[in-house]
Amino acid sequence: MAGVTDADDPQRFAYLAAGNARQARKRVAADVLITDQAGRVLLVDPTYKPGWDMPGGMAEANEPSRAAAERGLREELGLELNVGRLLLLEWQPPHGPWDDLLMFVFDGGTLDGEAAGALQIRDDELRAFTFVSIDDARPLLRPYVWERLQRAVRAKPHGRTVYEERPALPPQST
């Protein structure tokens, strides 16, 4: 029997489509751990939120997480890069106005001096970028981003992917 699909049965297709419409949707973001030849990590300073962050961004509808990471690098920094393996997958609970999120962190490798020197801001979502030591990154990052960076850095030399579930953030007073 060759290639029978649910689309061949209109009633079954309608049933499955209705069920799919009721299923939860997840927000997906993808960051990239990139270092320079001195071992410093690349951070970006977004204009739309406090603190520095790892480069990357939110996935668009039905976009693979790896493609979202690569698109973010290209659009924001002009960096054409095929990102490497997945270092970290982190689930974040809902907070504030946001639903839960799956955060992917990929290995972007090490940029040589020429590639690092060619980086430039290409999007008004970024105010600045810099390479900093891991220790110097801590005061620039929100605590949960700092923890994410540390986990990704620790996972890199071990050749494994880490899965984490971040606890809920305490409610913010207004």
N, C-alpha and C. Protein backbone atom coordinates (compact mmCIF):
# COMPACT_ATOMS: atom_id res chain seq x y z
N MET A 1 0.85 -1.17 0.00
CA MET A 1 0.00 0.00 0.00
C MET A 1 0.89 1.23 0.00
N ALA A 2 0.76 2.04 -0.99
CA ALA A 2 1.67 3.16 -1.19
C ALA A 2 1.09 4.48 -0.70
N GLY A 3 1.79 5.07 0.25
CA GLY A 3 1.58 6.46 0.64
C GLY A 3 0.20 6.90 1.07
N VAL A 4 -0.51 6.15 1.87
CA VAL A 4 -1.80 6.60 2.38
C VAL A 4 -1.53 7.60 3.50
N THR A 5 -2.18 8.76 3.45
CA THR A 5 -1.99 9.79 4.48
C THR A 5 -3.33 10.14 5.10
N ASP A 6 -3.27 10.87 6.22
CA ASP A 6 -4.50 11.33 6.85
C ASP A 6 -5.28 12.28 5.94
N ALA A 7 -4.58 12.96 5.03
CA ALA A 7 -5.25 13.87 4.11
C ALA A 7 -6.14 13.12 3.12
N ASP A 8 -5.89 11.81 2.95
CA ASP A 8 -6.72 11.00 2.06
C ASP A 8 -8.09 10.71 2.66
N ASP A 9 -8.24 10.91 3.95
CA ASP A 9 -9.51 10.69 4.65
C ASP A 9 -9.97 12.03 5.22
N PRO A 10 -10.86 12.75 4.53
CA PRO A 10 -11.25 14.09 4.96
C PRO A 10 -11.79 14.16 6.39
N GLN A 11 -12.54 13.15 6.83
CA GLN A 11 -13.08 13.18 8.19
C GLN A 11 -11.95 13.05 9.21
N ARG A 12 -11.04 12.13 8.99
CA ARG A 12 -9.91 11.96 9.91
C ARG A 12 -9.03 13.20 9.90
N PHE A 13 -8.80 13.77 8.72
CA PHE A 13 -7.99 14.98 8.62
C PHE A 13 -8.63 16.11 9.42
N ALA A 14 -9.93 16.30 9.29
CA ALA A 14 -10.63 17.37 10.02
C ALA A 14 -10.54 17.14 11.52
N TYR A 15 -10.69 15.88 11.95
CA TYR A 15 -10.59 15.54 13.37
C TYR A 15 -9.19 15.87 13.91
N LEU A 16 -8.15 15.46 13.18
CA LEU A 16 -6.78 15.72 13.60
C LEU A 16 -6.47 17.22 13.58
N ALA A 17 -6.94 17.95 12.58
CA ALA A 17 -6.70 19.39 12.51
C ALA A 17 -7.37 20.11 13.68
N ALA A 18 -8.58 19.69 14.05
CA ALA A 18 -9.26 20.31 15.19
C ALA A 18 -8.49 20.03 16.48
N GLY A 19 -8.00 18.82 16.64
CA GLY A 19 -7.21 18.48 17.83
C GLY A 19 -5.92 19.28 17.87
N ASN A 20 -5.26 19.41 16.74
CA ASN A 20 -4.02 20.17 16.67
C ASN A 20 -4.25 21.63 17.05
N ALA A 21 -5.36 22.20 16.65
CA ALA A 21 -5.65 23.61 16.94
C ALA A 21 -5.81 23.84 18.44
N ARG A 22 -6.17 22.81 19.20
CA ARG A 22 -6.37 22.95 20.66
C ARG A 22 -5.10 22.64 21.45
N GLN A 23 -4.08 22.10 20.81
CA GLN A 23 -2.86 21.73 21.53
C GLN A 23 -2.05 22.97 21.89
N ALA A 24 -1.30 22.83 22.96
CA ALA A 24 -0.45 23.93 23.41
C ALA A 24 0.60 24.28 22.37
N ARG A 25 0.93 25.55 22.30
CA ARG A 25 2.02 26.03 21.46
C ARG A 25 3.13 26.52 22.38
N LYS A 26 4.35 26.28 22.01
CA LYS A 26 5.50 26.71 22.81
C LYS A 26 6.21 27.84 22.08
N ARG A 27 6.70 28.79 22.86
CA ARG A 27 7.64 29.75 22.31
C ARG A 27 8.99 29.05 22.23
N VAL A 28 9.77 29.37 21.21
CA VAL A 28 11.06 28.75 21.01
C VAL A 28 12.08 29.85 20.73
N ALA A 29 13.21 29.79 21.41
CA ALA A 29 14.31 30.71 21.16
C ALA A 29 15.58 29.90 21.01
N ALA A 30 16.55 30.48 20.32
CA ALA A 30 17.81 29.78 20.08
C ALA A 30 18.96 30.76 20.21
N ASP A 31 19.86 30.47 21.12
CA ASP A 31 21.07 31.27 21.33
C ASP A 31 22.28 30.47 20.87
N VAL A 32 23.40 31.19 20.75
CA VAL A 32 24.62 30.56 20.26
C VAL A 32 25.78 30.96 21.17
N LEU A 33 26.53 29.97 21.61
CA LEU A 33 27.74 30.20 22.39
C LEU A 33 28.90 30.33 21.40
N ILE A 34 29.44 31.55 21.32
CA ILE A 34 30.54 31.85 20.40
C ILE A 34 31.69 32.41 21.23
N THR A 35 32.90 31.95 20.94
CA THR A 35 34.08 32.48 21.61
C THR A 35 35.03 33.06 20.58
N ASP A 36 35.95 33.89 21.08
CA ASP A 36 37.05 34.36 20.23
C ASP A 36 38.28 33.52 20.54
N GLN A 37 39.39 33.81 19.89
CA GLN A 37 40.59 32.99 20.06
C GLN A 37 41.20 33.12 21.46
N ALA A 38 40.80 34.15 22.21
CA ALA A 38 41.27 34.30 23.59
C ALA A 38 40.37 33.57 24.58
N GLY A 39 39.30 32.91 24.08
CA GLY A 39 38.39 32.17 24.95
C GLY A 39 37.29 33.02 25.55
N ARG A 40 37.18 34.26 25.12
CA ARG A 40 36.11 35.13 25.62
C ARG A 40 34.81 34.82 24.89
N VAL A 41 33.68 35.04 25.56
CA VAL A 41 32.37 34.75 24.97
C VAL A 41 31.78 36.02 24.35
N LEU A 42 31.04 35.82 23.28
CA LEU A 42 30.37 36.92 22.60
C LEU A 42 29.03 37.19 23.28
N LEU A 43 28.81 38.44 23.69
CA LEU A 43 27.54 38.87 24.26
C LEU A 43 27.01 40.04 23.44
N VAL A 44 25.69 40.17 23.44
CA VAL A 44 25.03 41.29 22.76
C VAL A 44 24.19 42.05 23.78
N ASP A 45 24.00 43.33 23.53
CA ASP A 45 23.22 44.21 24.40
C ASP A 45 21.94 44.59 23.67
N PRO A 46 20.82 43.89 23.93
CA PRO A 46 19.57 44.19 23.24
C PRO A 46 18.98 45.53 23.68
N THR A 47 18.33 46.21 22.75
CA THR A 47 17.70 47.50 23.06
C THR A 47 16.33 47.32 23.72
N TYR A 48 15.74 46.14 23.62
CA TYR A 48 14.35 45.94 24.04
C TYR A 48 14.19 45.23 25.38
N LYS A 49 15.30 44.95 26.06
CA LYS A 49 15.21 44.32 27.38
C LYS A 49 16.45 44.66 28.19
N PRO A 50 16.37 44.51 29.50
CA PRO A 50 17.53 44.85 30.33
C PRO A 50 18.62 43.79 30.25
N GLY A 51 19.84 44.21 30.46
CA GLY A 51 20.96 43.29 30.53
C GLY A 51 21.42 42.80 29.17
N TRP A 52 22.60 42.24 29.18
CA TRP A 52 23.19 41.66 27.99
C TRP A 52 22.67 40.24 27.81
N ASP A 53 22.97 39.63 26.66
CA ASP A 53 22.46 38.30 26.36
C ASP A 53 23.44 37.60 25.42
N MET A 54 23.20 36.33 25.21
CA MET A 54 23.93 35.59 24.19
C MET A 54 23.28 35.92 22.85
N PRO A 55 24.04 35.89 21.75
CA PRO A 55 23.43 36.17 20.44
C PRO A 55 22.48 35.05 20.04
N GLY A 56 21.48 35.40 19.26
CA GLY A 56 20.48 34.45 18.79
C GLY A 56 19.15 35.14 18.67
N GLY A 57 18.07 34.44 19.01
CA GLY A 57 16.77 35.08 18.96
C GLY A 57 15.62 34.10 18.97
N MET A 58 14.44 34.68 18.83
CA MET A 58 13.21 33.91 18.83
C MET A 58 13.02 33.23 17.47
N ALA A 59 12.51 32.01 17.50
CA ALA A 59 12.17 31.31 16.27
C ALA A 59 10.86 31.86 15.73
N GLU A 60 10.77 31.90 14.43
CA GLU A 60 9.53 32.27 13.77
C GLU A 60 8.64 31.03 13.69
N ALA A 61 7.39 31.22 13.32
CA ALA A 61 6.44 30.10 13.23
C ALA A 61 7.01 29.00 12.34
N ASN A 62 7.04 27.79 12.86
CA ASN A 62 7.46 26.59 12.14
C ASN A 62 8.92 26.64 11.66
N GLU A 63 9.75 27.47 12.28
CA GLU A 63 11.16 27.56 11.92
C GLU A 63 11.97 26.65 12.84
N PRO A 64 12.85 25.82 12.30
CA PRO A 64 13.70 25.00 13.16
C PRO A 64 14.59 25.87 14.04
N SER A 65 14.87 25.39 15.24
CA SER A 65 15.65 26.18 16.19
C SER A 65 17.05 26.50 15.67
N ARG A 66 17.70 25.57 15.01
CA ARG A 66 19.03 25.83 14.46
C ARG A 66 18.96 26.94 13.41
N ALA A 67 17.95 26.90 12.56
CA ALA A 67 17.79 27.95 11.54
C ALA A 67 17.51 29.30 12.19
N ALA A 68 16.77 29.31 13.28
CA ALA A 68 16.49 30.56 13.99
C ALA A 68 17.78 31.16 14.55
N ALA A 69 18.64 30.31 15.11
CA ALA A 69 19.92 30.78 15.65
C ALA A 69 20.78 31.38 14.54
N GLU A 70 20.87 30.67 13.42
CA GLU A 70 21.69 31.15 12.31
C GLU A 70 21.12 32.43 11.72
N ARG A 71 19.81 32.53 11.61
CA ARG A 71 19.17 33.74 11.09
C ARG A 71 19.44 34.91 12.02
N GLY A 72 19.33 34.69 13.34
CA GLY A 72 19.59 35.75 14.30
C GLY A 72 21.00 36.30 14.16
N LEU A 73 21.98 35.42 14.02
CA LEU A 73 23.37 35.85 13.85
C LEU A 73 23.55 36.67 12.57
N ARG A 74 22.94 36.20 11.52
CA ARG A 74 23.05 36.87 10.21
C ARG A 74 22.38 38.24 10.24
N GLU A 75 21.14 38.29 10.76
CA GLU A 75 20.39 39.54 10.75
C GLU A 75 20.95 40.58 11.71
N GLU A 76 21.41 40.15 12.88
CA GLU A 76 21.82 41.11 13.90
C GLU A 76 23.29 41.49 13.82
N LEU A 77 24.16 40.54 13.40
CA LEU A 77 25.60 40.79 13.42
C LEU A 77 26.30 40.59 12.07
N GLY A 78 25.54 40.22 11.05
CA GLY A 78 26.15 39.96 9.76
C GLY A 78 27.03 38.73 9.73
N LEU A 79 26.82 37.82 10.66
CA LEU A 79 27.65 36.63 10.78
C LEU A 79 26.99 35.44 10.10
N GLU A 80 27.61 34.95 9.03
CA GLU A 80 27.16 33.74 8.34
C GLU A 80 27.85 32.57 9.01
N LEU A 81 27.09 31.76 9.73
CA LEU A 81 27.69 30.68 10.49
C LEU A 81 26.75 29.48 10.50
N ASN A 82 27.29 28.30 10.24
CA ASN A 82 26.55 27.06 10.42
C ASN A 82 26.83 26.62 11.85
N VAL A 83 25.85 26.79 12.73
CA VAL A 83 26.10 26.48 14.13
C VAL A 83 26.26 24.98 14.32
N GLY A 84 27.00 24.63 15.36
CA GLY A 84 27.30 23.25 15.66
C GLY A 84 26.24 22.57 16.50
N ARG A 85 26.72 21.68 17.33
CA ARG A 85 25.80 20.82 18.08
C ARG A 85 25.05 21.58 19.17
N LEU A 86 23.97 20.97 19.59
CA LEU A 86 23.16 21.51 20.68
C LEU A 86 23.88 21.27 22.00
N LEU A 87 24.13 22.34 22.73
CA LEU A 87 24.78 22.24 24.03
C LEU A 87 23.78 22.14 25.16
N LEU A 88 22.68 22.90 25.05
CA LEU A 88 21.75 23.03 26.16
C LEU A 88 20.33 23.20 25.62
N LEU A 89 19.40 22.51 26.23
CA LEU A 89 17.98 22.73 26.01
C LEU A 89 17.39 23.05 27.37
N GLU A 90 16.79 24.23 27.47
CA GLU A 90 16.26 24.69 28.75
C GLU A 90 14.78 25.02 28.61
N TRP A 91 13.98 24.48 29.50
CA TRP A 91 12.56 24.84 29.56
C TRP A 91 12.40 25.94 30.59
N GLN A 92 11.69 27.00 30.19
CA GLN A 92 11.40 28.10 31.11
C GLN A 92 9.91 28.13 31.37
N PRO A 93 9.50 28.26 32.62
CA PRO A 93 8.08 28.31 32.92
C PRO A 93 7.48 29.65 32.49
N PRO A 94 6.15 29.72 32.46
CA PRO A 94 5.53 31.01 32.14
C PRO A 94 5.95 32.05 33.17
N HIS A 95 6.08 33.29 32.72
CA HIS A 95 6.38 34.39 33.63
C HIS A 95 5.87 35.69 33.01
N GLY A 96 5.39 36.58 33.87
CA GLY A 96 4.85 37.85 33.37
C GLY A 96 3.80 37.58 32.31
N PRO A 97 3.88 38.27 31.18
CA PRO A 97 2.90 38.06 30.11
C PRO A 97 3.26 36.88 29.20
N TRP A 98 4.38 36.20 29.48
CA TRP A 98 4.91 35.20 28.56
C TRP A 98 4.50 33.78 28.90
N ASP A 99 4.18 33.01 27.88
CA ASP A 99 3.97 31.57 28.03
C ASP A 99 5.33 30.91 28.25
N ASP A 100 5.31 29.61 28.47
CA ASP A 100 6.57 28.90 28.66
C ASP A 100 7.39 28.92 27.37
N LEU A 101 8.66 28.54 27.50
CA LEU A 101 9.61 28.69 26.41
C LEU A 101 10.58 27.52 26.39
N LEU A 102 10.95 27.09 25.21
CA LEU A 102 12.05 26.16 25.02
C LEU A 102 13.22 26.96 24.47
N MET A 103 14.33 26.99 25.23
CA MET A 103 15.52 27.74 24.85
C MET A 103 16.60 26.74 24.42
N PHE A 104 17.03 26.83 23.17
CA PHE A 104 18.10 26.01 22.63
C PHE A 104 19.38 26.84 22.63
N VAL A 105 20.49 26.25 23.06
CA VAL A 105 21.79 26.92 22.97
C VAL A 105 22.71 26.02 22.16
N PHE A 106 23.18 26.56 21.03
CA PHE A 106 24.03 25.82 20.12
C PHE A 106 25.48 26.29 20.24
N ASP A 107 26.38 25.42 19.84
CA ASP A 107 27.80 25.73 19.81
C ASP A 107 28.12 26.48 18.52
N GLY A 108 28.59 27.72 18.66
CA GLY A 108 28.96 28.52 17.50
C GLY A 108 30.44 28.48 17.21
N GLY A 109 31.19 27.73 18.02
CA GLY A 109 32.62 27.60 17.78
C GLY A 109 33.40 28.84 18.16
N THR A 110 34.60 28.91 17.62
CA THR A 110 35.52 30.00 17.91
C THR A 110 35.76 30.81 16.64
N LEU A 111 35.58 32.12 16.75
CA LEU A 111 35.84 33.01 15.62
C LEU A 111 37.30 33.41 15.61
N ASP A 112 37.90 33.38 14.43
CA ASP A 112 39.27 33.89 14.32
C ASP A 112 39.21 35.42 14.36
N GLY A 113 40.37 36.05 14.41
CA GLY A 113 40.44 37.50 14.52
C GLY A 113 39.74 38.22 13.39
N GLU A 114 39.85 37.69 12.17
CA GLU A 114 39.22 38.33 11.02
C GLU A 114 37.70 38.28 11.13
N ALA A 115 37.15 37.12 11.46
CA ALA A 115 35.69 36.98 11.59
C ALA A 115 35.16 37.82 12.75
N ALA A 116 35.88 37.82 13.88
CA ALA A 116 35.44 38.62 15.02
C ALA A 116 35.48 40.11 14.68
N GLY A 117 36.51 40.52 13.93
CA GLY A 117 36.64 41.92 13.54
C GLY A 117 35.60 42.36 12.52
N ALA A 118 35.03 41.42 11.79
CA ALA A 118 34.03 41.75 10.77
C ALA A 118 32.62 41.89 11.34
N LEU A 119 32.42 41.52 12.60
CA LEU A 119 31.09 41.65 13.19
C LEU A 119 30.67 43.11 13.20
N GLN A 120 29.39 43.34 12.91
CA GLN A 120 28.85 44.68 13.01
C GLN A 120 27.35 44.61 13.27
N ILE A 121 26.85 45.59 14.00
CA ILE A 121 25.43 45.64 14.30
C ILE A 121 24.68 45.95 13.01
N ARG A 122 23.71 45.10 12.71
CA ARG A 122 22.92 45.27 11.49
C ARG A 122 21.43 45.39 11.77
N ASP A 123 21.08 45.49 13.03
CA ASP A 123 19.67 45.48 13.42
C ASP A 123 19.49 46.43 14.59
N ASP A 124 18.40 47.20 14.58
CA ASP A 124 18.18 48.15 15.68
C ASP A 124 17.77 47.48 16.99
N GLU A 125 17.69 46.14 16.99
CA GLU A 125 17.42 45.44 18.24
C GLU A 125 18.66 45.32 19.11
N LEU A 126 19.84 45.64 18.55
CA LEU A 126 21.08 45.58 19.31
C LEU A 126 21.67 46.98 19.49
N ARG A 127 22.14 47.21 20.70
CA ARG A 127 22.83 48.46 21.04
C ARG A 127 24.35 48.28 20.90
N ALA A 128 24.84 47.07 21.25
CA ALA A 128 26.28 46.82 21.25
C ALA A 128 26.53 45.32 21.29
N PHE A 129 27.78 44.94 21.06
CA PHE A 129 28.24 43.57 21.27
C PHE A 129 29.66 43.65 21.79
N THR A 130 30.08 42.59 22.46
CA THR A 130 31.44 42.55 22.99
C THR A 130 31.84 41.11 23.27
N PHE A 131 33.13 40.86 23.32
CA PHE A 131 33.68 39.60 23.79
C PHE A 131 34.19 39.85 25.20
N VAL A 132 33.78 39.01 26.16
CA VAL A 132 34.21 39.17 27.55
C VAL A 132 34.58 37.81 28.12
N SER A 133 35.41 37.84 29.17
CA SER A 133 35.72 36.60 29.88
C SER A 133 34.45 36.12 30.58
N ILE A 134 34.44 34.86 30.92
CA ILE A 134 33.29 34.30 31.64
C ILE A 134 33.05 35.09 32.92
N ASP A 135 34.11 35.39 33.66
CA ASP A 135 33.95 36.14 34.91
C ASP A 135 33.38 37.53 34.67
N ASP A 136 33.83 38.20 33.61
CA ASP A 136 33.34 39.54 33.31
C ASP A 136 31.92 39.53 32.75
N ALA A 137 31.46 38.37 32.29
CA ALA A 137 30.09 38.26 31.77
C ALA A 137 29.06 38.33 32.90
N ARG A 138 29.40 37.82 34.05
CA ARG A 138 28.41 37.68 35.14
C ARG A 138 27.67 38.97 35.48
N PRO A 139 28.37 40.10 35.72
CA PRO A 139 27.62 41.31 36.09
C PRO A 139 26.80 41.90 34.94
N LEU A 140 27.08 41.49 33.72
CA LEU A 140 26.34 42.02 32.57
C LEU A 140 25.01 41.29 32.34
N LEU A 141 24.93 40.05 32.82
CA LEU A 141 23.80 39.17 32.51
C LEU A 141 22.80 39.09 33.66
N ARG A 142 21.54 38.93 33.30
CA ARG A 142 20.54 38.61 34.32
C ARG A 142 20.91 37.26 34.90
N PRO A 143 20.59 36.99 36.17
CA PRO A 143 21.07 35.76 36.82
C PRO A 143 20.74 34.47 36.06
N TYR A 144 19.54 34.35 35.51
CA TYR A 144 19.21 33.10 34.82
C TYR A 144 19.94 32.98 33.48
N VAL A 145 20.29 34.10 32.85
CA VAL A 145 21.08 34.05 31.62
C VAL A 145 22.52 33.66 31.96
N TRP A 146 23.03 34.18 33.07
CA TRP A 146 24.37 33.80 33.55
C TRP A 146 24.43 32.29 33.80
N GLU A 147 23.42 31.76 34.46
CA GLU A 147 23.39 30.32 34.74
C GLU A 147 23.33 29.51 33.44
N ARG A 148 22.54 29.99 32.47
CA ARG A 148 22.44 29.32 31.17
C ARG A 148 23.80 29.32 30.47
N LEU A 149 24.47 30.44 30.48
CA LEU A 149 25.79 30.54 29.86
C LEU A 149 26.77 29.56 30.51
N GLN A 150 26.78 29.51 31.83
CA GLN A 150 27.67 28.58 32.54
C GLN A 150 27.39 27.14 32.15
N ARG A 151 26.12 26.74 32.09
CA ARG A 151 25.78 25.36 31.73
C ARG A 151 26.23 25.04 30.31
N ALA A 152 26.05 25.99 29.40
CA ALA A 152 26.47 25.76 28.01
C ALA A 152 27.99 25.64 27.92
N VAL A 153 28.70 26.49 28.63
CA VAL A 153 30.17 26.45 28.63
C VAL A 153 30.65 25.11 29.20
N ARG A 154 30.03 24.66 30.29
CA ARG A 154 30.43 23.37 30.89
C ARG A 154 30.10 22.19 29.99
N ALA A 155 29.02 22.27 29.22
CA ALA A 155 28.62 21.15 28.35
C ALA A 155 29.54 21.01 27.14
N LYS A 156 30.10 22.11 26.69
CA LYS A 156 30.86 22.11 25.43
C LYS A 156 32.00 21.10 25.39
N PRO A 157 32.91 21.08 26.36
CA PRO A 157 34.04 20.15 26.24
C PRO A 157 33.68 18.69 26.49
N HIS A 158 32.50 18.44 27.04
CA HIS A 158 32.12 17.07 27.38
C HIS A 158 31.35 16.38 26.26
N GLY A 159 31.04 17.10 25.19
CA GLY A 159 30.36 16.49 24.05
C GLY A 159 28.96 16.00 24.36
N ARG A 160 28.30 16.65 25.32
CA ARG A 160 26.95 16.21 25.67
C ARG A 160 26.00 17.39 25.61
N THR A 161 24.72 17.07 25.56
CA THR A 161 23.68 18.08 25.61
C THR A 161 23.05 18.03 26.99
N VAL A 162 22.89 19.18 27.60
CA VAL A 162 22.30 19.29 28.93
C VAL A 162 20.84 19.71 28.78
N TYR A 163 19.96 19.09 29.54
CA TYR A 163 18.56 19.51 29.61
C TYR A 163 18.30 20.04 31.01
N GLU A 164 17.70 21.21 31.09
CA GLU A 164 17.37 21.84 32.38
C GLU A 164 15.95 22.36 32.35
N GLU A 165 15.31 22.35 33.52
CA GLU A 165 14.03 23.00 33.70
C GLU A 165 14.24 24.11 34.71
N ARG A 166 14.13 25.33 34.25
CA ARG A 166 14.36 26.46 35.13
C ARG A 166 13.16 26.63 36.05
N PRO A 167 13.39 26.87 37.33
CA PRO A 167 12.26 27.09 38.23
C PRO A 167 11.57 28.41 37.92
N ALA A 168 10.35 28.53 38.39
CA ALA A 168 9.58 29.76 38.18
C ALA A 168 10.28 30.93 38.83
N LEU A 169 10.22 32.06 38.18
CA LEU A 169 10.77 33.29 38.74
C LEU A 169 9.82 33.81 39.82
N PRO A 170 10.35 34.46 40.85
CA PRO A 170 9.44 35.06 41.82
C PRO A 170 8.63 36.17 41.18
N PRO A 171 7.39 36.38 41.67
CA PRO A 171 6.56 37.46 41.09
C PRO A 171 7.26 38.81 41.26
N GLN A 172 7.14 39.64 40.25
CA GLN A 172 7.73 40.97 40.31
C GLN A 172 6.69 41.97 40.81
N SER A 173 7.14 42.85 41.70
CA SER A 173 6.21 43.88 42.17
C SER A 173 6.19 45.01 41.16
N THR A 174 5.06 45.66 41.08
CA THR A 174 4.94 46.76 40.11
C THR A 174 4.86 48.10 40.79
